[in-house]
Amino acid sequence: MDSPVPPPADSGGPSAPSGTGGTPAAPGGAARPPAPAGPRPRRRDRHGRGMRGPVAPPQVPLSVSRADSFVDLVYDSRDRLERRWPQLADIDFLVVEVPGFGPDGDAGPAADEETVPLGRLLPATGDQRERVVVYRRPVEIRTKNRDERALLVHEVVVEQVAELLGLAPESVDPRYGQD
């Protein structure tokens, strides 16, 4: 049971009567102590398991989201190809969650009712450079682990770059299709 908090000791000075503006009165006419400024941190050792703390330090990859990890795979693939094809420095590489369909998010001429594209090449328009787009969710759904995902992302990027350069994917990356 909760026991009532005893009123603070009287300092001997004049006190404001209840309800006239001083400290709000508690039931029974006793003055309440001031409320704490903010939430207090928990300091209890629950069930003898030690104090709570972070699962892992921030520099450990546990704190990297799947989306960030996917973007890293795309950029790794781009960097790998850029060493062989320096002109790729002028191309933007983007990651989009899913392909858009319809008038506003046209998935392109390769999209039909039976297949979902894994990537797309967007030509340069006005003030935008050429862009290679990789769709994250369709790639993730088709792979079981990070290694498979890295291979598929690289294949998608190679195919889009090959289309951009007008070459066969094997010419863009000699290891294409061998992994």
Protein backbone atom coordinates (compact mmCIF):
# COMPACT_ATOMS: atom_id res chain seq x y z
CA MET A 1 0.00 0.00 0.00
CA ASP A 2 1.07 3.53 -0.63
CA SER A 3 1.58 5.58 2.46
CA PRO A 4 1.00 9.33 2.29
CA VAL A 5 4.06 11.51 1.99
CA PRO A 6 4.55 13.51 5.20
CA PRO A 7 4.35 17.28 4.77
CA PRO A 8 7.64 19.18 4.75
CA ALA A 9 8.81 20.44 8.12
CA ASP A 10 7.53 23.91 8.94
CA SER A 11 10.35 26.43 8.74
CA GLY A 12 8.65 28.68 11.24
CA GLY A 13 7.97 31.42 8.68
CA PRO A 14 4.63 32.65 7.44
CA SER A 15 2.85 30.23 5.18
CA ALA A 16 0.27 30.88 2.51
CA PRO A 17 -3.19 29.59 3.27
CA SER A 18 -4.46 26.73 1.14
CA GLY A 19 -5.74 27.70 -2.29
CA THR A 20 -4.33 31.25 -2.30
CA GLY A 21 -1.51 30.78 -4.70
CA GLY A 22 1.38 29.13 -2.85
CA THR A 23 2.12 25.43 -3.06
CA PRO A 24 -1.01 23.52 -4.14
CA ALA A 25 -2.76 21.90 -1.25
CA ALA A 26 -3.01 18.15 -0.91
CA PRO A 27 -6.16 16.53 0.38
CA GLY A 28 -6.42 17.20 4.09
CA GLY A 29 -4.83 20.66 3.85
CA ALA A 30 -1.15 19.55 3.81
CA ALA A 31 1.18 21.19 1.28
CA ARG A 32 2.55 18.93 -1.47
CA PRO A 33 6.27 18.76 -2.15
CA PRO A 34 7.31 20.15 -5.56
CA ALA A 35 7.11 17.67 -8.44
CA PRO A 36 10.42 16.35 -9.81
CA ALA A 37 11.78 18.25 -12.82
CA GLY A 38 11.87 15.24 -15.15
CA PRO A 39 11.79 11.47 -15.27
CA ARG A 40 14.37 9.83 -13.06
CA PRO A 41 16.61 7.16 -14.57
CA ARG A 42 16.05 3.63 -13.41
CA ARG A 43 18.76 2.42 -11.14
CA ARG A 44 17.34 -0.92 -10.12
CA ASP A 45 18.98 -4.24 -10.80
CA ARG A 46 15.95 -6.25 -11.85
CA HIS A 47 16.05 -9.95 -11.09
CA GLY A 48 19.79 -9.95 -10.41
CA ARG A 49 20.75 -9.73 -14.10
CA GLY A 50 22.87 -6.63 -13.85
CA MET A 51 22.21 -3.09 -14.88
CA ARG A 52 20.56 -2.36 -18.18
CA GLY A 53 22.67 -0.94 -20.95
CA PRO A 54 23.01 -0.82 -24.72
CA VAL A 55 23.00 -4.15 -26.54
CA ALA A 56 26.06 -3.16 -28.53
CA PRO A 57 28.26 -0.09 -28.86
CA PRO A 58 27.27 2.31 -31.67
CA GLN A 59 30.23 1.37 -33.89
CA VAL A 60 29.04 -2.26 -34.12
CA PRO A 61 26.97 -2.98 -37.27
CA LEU A 62 23.96 -4.09 -35.20
CA SER A 63 22.74 -0.52 -35.38
CA VAL A 64 22.85 -0.38 -39.21
CA SER A 65 19.40 -0.66 -40.78
CA ARG A 66 18.63 -2.97 -43.69
CA ALA A 67 18.04 0.03 -45.93
CA ASP A 68 21.44 1.52 -45.06
CA SER A 69 23.10 -1.84 -45.62
CA PHE A 70 21.42 -2.10 -49.04
CA VAL A 71 22.59 1.38 -50.04
CA ASP A 72 26.12 0.36 -49.06
CA LEU A 73 25.87 -2.68 -51.37
CA VAL A 74 24.83 -0.46 -54.29
CA TYR A 75 27.66 1.99 -53.64
CA ASP A 76 30.19 -0.84 -53.29
CA SER A 77 29.09 -2.17 -56.66
CA ARG A 78 29.31 1.30 -58.20
CA ASP A 79 32.82 1.81 -56.78
CA ARG A 80 33.91 -1.56 -58.13
CA LEU A 81 32.72 -0.66 -61.63
CA GLU A 82 33.99 2.92 -61.45
CA ARG A 83 37.59 1.69 -61.24
CA ARG A 84 37.15 0.10 -64.67
CA TRP A 85 34.76 2.70 -66.13
CA PRO A 86 35.70 6.22 -64.87
CA GLN A 87 32.83 7.82 -66.81
CA LEU A 88 30.44 6.35 -64.20
CA ALA A 89 31.45 9.21 -61.87
CA ASP A 90 28.93 11.35 -63.80
CA ILE A 91 26.05 8.91 -63.16
CA ASP A 92 23.76 9.03 -60.12
CA PHE A 93 23.01 5.72 -58.40
CA LEU A 94 19.75 5.64 -56.44
CA VAL A 95 17.96 3.16 -54.22
CA VAL A 96 14.16 3.20 -54.25
CA GLU A 97 11.96 0.98 -52.08
CA VAL A 98 9.66 -0.37 -54.81
CA PRO A 99 9.03 0.41 -58.47
CA GLY A 100 6.13 2.73 -59.14
CA PHE A 101 3.41 1.78 -61.57
CA GLY A 102 0.95 4.03 -63.34
CA PRO A 103 1.15 7.49 -64.84
CA ASP A 104 3.16 9.13 -62.02
CA GLY A 105 5.54 6.27 -61.19
CA ASP A 106 5.93 4.59 -64.57
CA ALA A 107 8.06 1.47 -64.14
CA GLY A 108 9.34 1.71 -67.69
CA PRO A 109 8.87 -0.27 -70.87
CA ALA A 110 10.30 -3.51 -69.41
CA ALA A 111 7.58 -3.72 -66.75
CA ASP A 112 4.64 -5.94 -67.46
CA GLU A 113 1.99 -7.67 -65.38
CA GLU A 114 4.11 -10.75 -64.60
CA THR A 115 7.51 -9.35 -63.63
CA VAL A 116 8.68 -6.78 -61.14
CA PRO A 117 11.81 -4.89 -62.22
CA LEU A 118 14.87 -5.01 -59.98
CA GLY A 119 16.43 -1.90 -61.46
CA ARG A 120 16.04 0.76 -64.08
CA LEU A 121 18.07 3.24 -66.09
CA LEU A 122 16.66 6.76 -66.20
CA PRO A 123 18.04 8.91 -69.03
CA ALA A 124 19.29 12.44 -68.45
CA THR A 125 16.58 15.08 -68.59
CA GLY A 126 17.17 18.82 -68.44
CA ASP A 127 19.07 19.47 -65.23
CA GLN A 128 19.19 15.84 -64.02
CA ARG A 129 22.01 13.47 -64.86
CA GLU A 130 21.54 9.88 -65.97
CA ARG A 131 20.46 7.69 -63.07
CA VAL A 132 20.71 4.00 -62.28
CA VAL A 133 17.90 2.99 -59.92
CA VAL A 134 17.92 -0.22 -57.89
CA TYR A 135 14.67 -1.30 -56.25
CA ARG A 136 15.40 -2.51 -52.71
CA ARG A 137 12.35 -4.59 -51.75
CA PRO A 138 12.16 -6.72 -54.94
CA VAL A 139 15.88 -7.54 -54.57
CA GLU A 140 15.54 -8.37 -50.87
CA ILE A 141 12.57 -10.65 -51.50
CA ARG A 142 14.55 -12.67 -54.06
CA THR A 143 17.55 -13.26 -51.77
CA LYS A 144 18.04 -15.24 -48.57
CA ASN A 145 21.15 -13.65 -47.06
CA ARG A 146 23.57 -10.74 -47.40
CA ASP A 147 25.94 -12.59 -49.75
CA GLU A 148 23.17 -13.45 -52.22
CA ARG A 149 21.88 -9.89 -51.94
CA ALA A 150 25.33 -8.46 -52.73
CA LEU A 151 25.60 -10.68 -55.83
CA LEU A 152 22.13 -9.78 -57.09
CA VAL A 153 22.65 -6.05 -56.46
CA HIS A 154 25.91 -6.18 -58.40
CA GLU A 155 24.23 -8.01 -61.30
CA VAL A 156 21.43 -5.44 -61.42
CA VAL A 157 23.91 -2.54 -61.37
CA VAL A 158 26.06 -4.20 -64.07
CA GLU A 159 23.01 -4.76 -66.29
CA GLN A 160 21.89 -1.15 -65.97
CA VAL A 161 25.40 0.21 -66.59
CA ALA A 162 25.73 -2.09 -69.62
CA GLU A 163 22.49 -0.69 -71.00
CA LEU A 164 23.76 2.83 -70.36
CA LEU A 165 27.09 2.20 -72.11
CA GLY A 166 25.54 0.14 -74.91
CA LEU A 167 27.66 -2.91 -74.08
CA ALA A 168 27.07 -6.49 -73.03
CA PRO A 169 27.09 -7.04 -69.24
CA GLU A 170 30.10 -9.37 -69.64
CA SER A 171 32.04 -6.46 -71.18
CA VAL A 172 31.20 -4.16 -68.27
CA ASP A 173 32.27 -6.72 -65.65
CA PRO A 174 34.10 -9.85 -66.85
CA ARG A 175 32.94 -11.72 -63.72
CA TYR A 176 29.26 -11.07 -64.51
CA GLY A 177 27.21 -14.25 -64.16
CA GLN A 178 30.10 -16.34 -62.81
CA ASP A 179 29.41 -15.97 -59.08
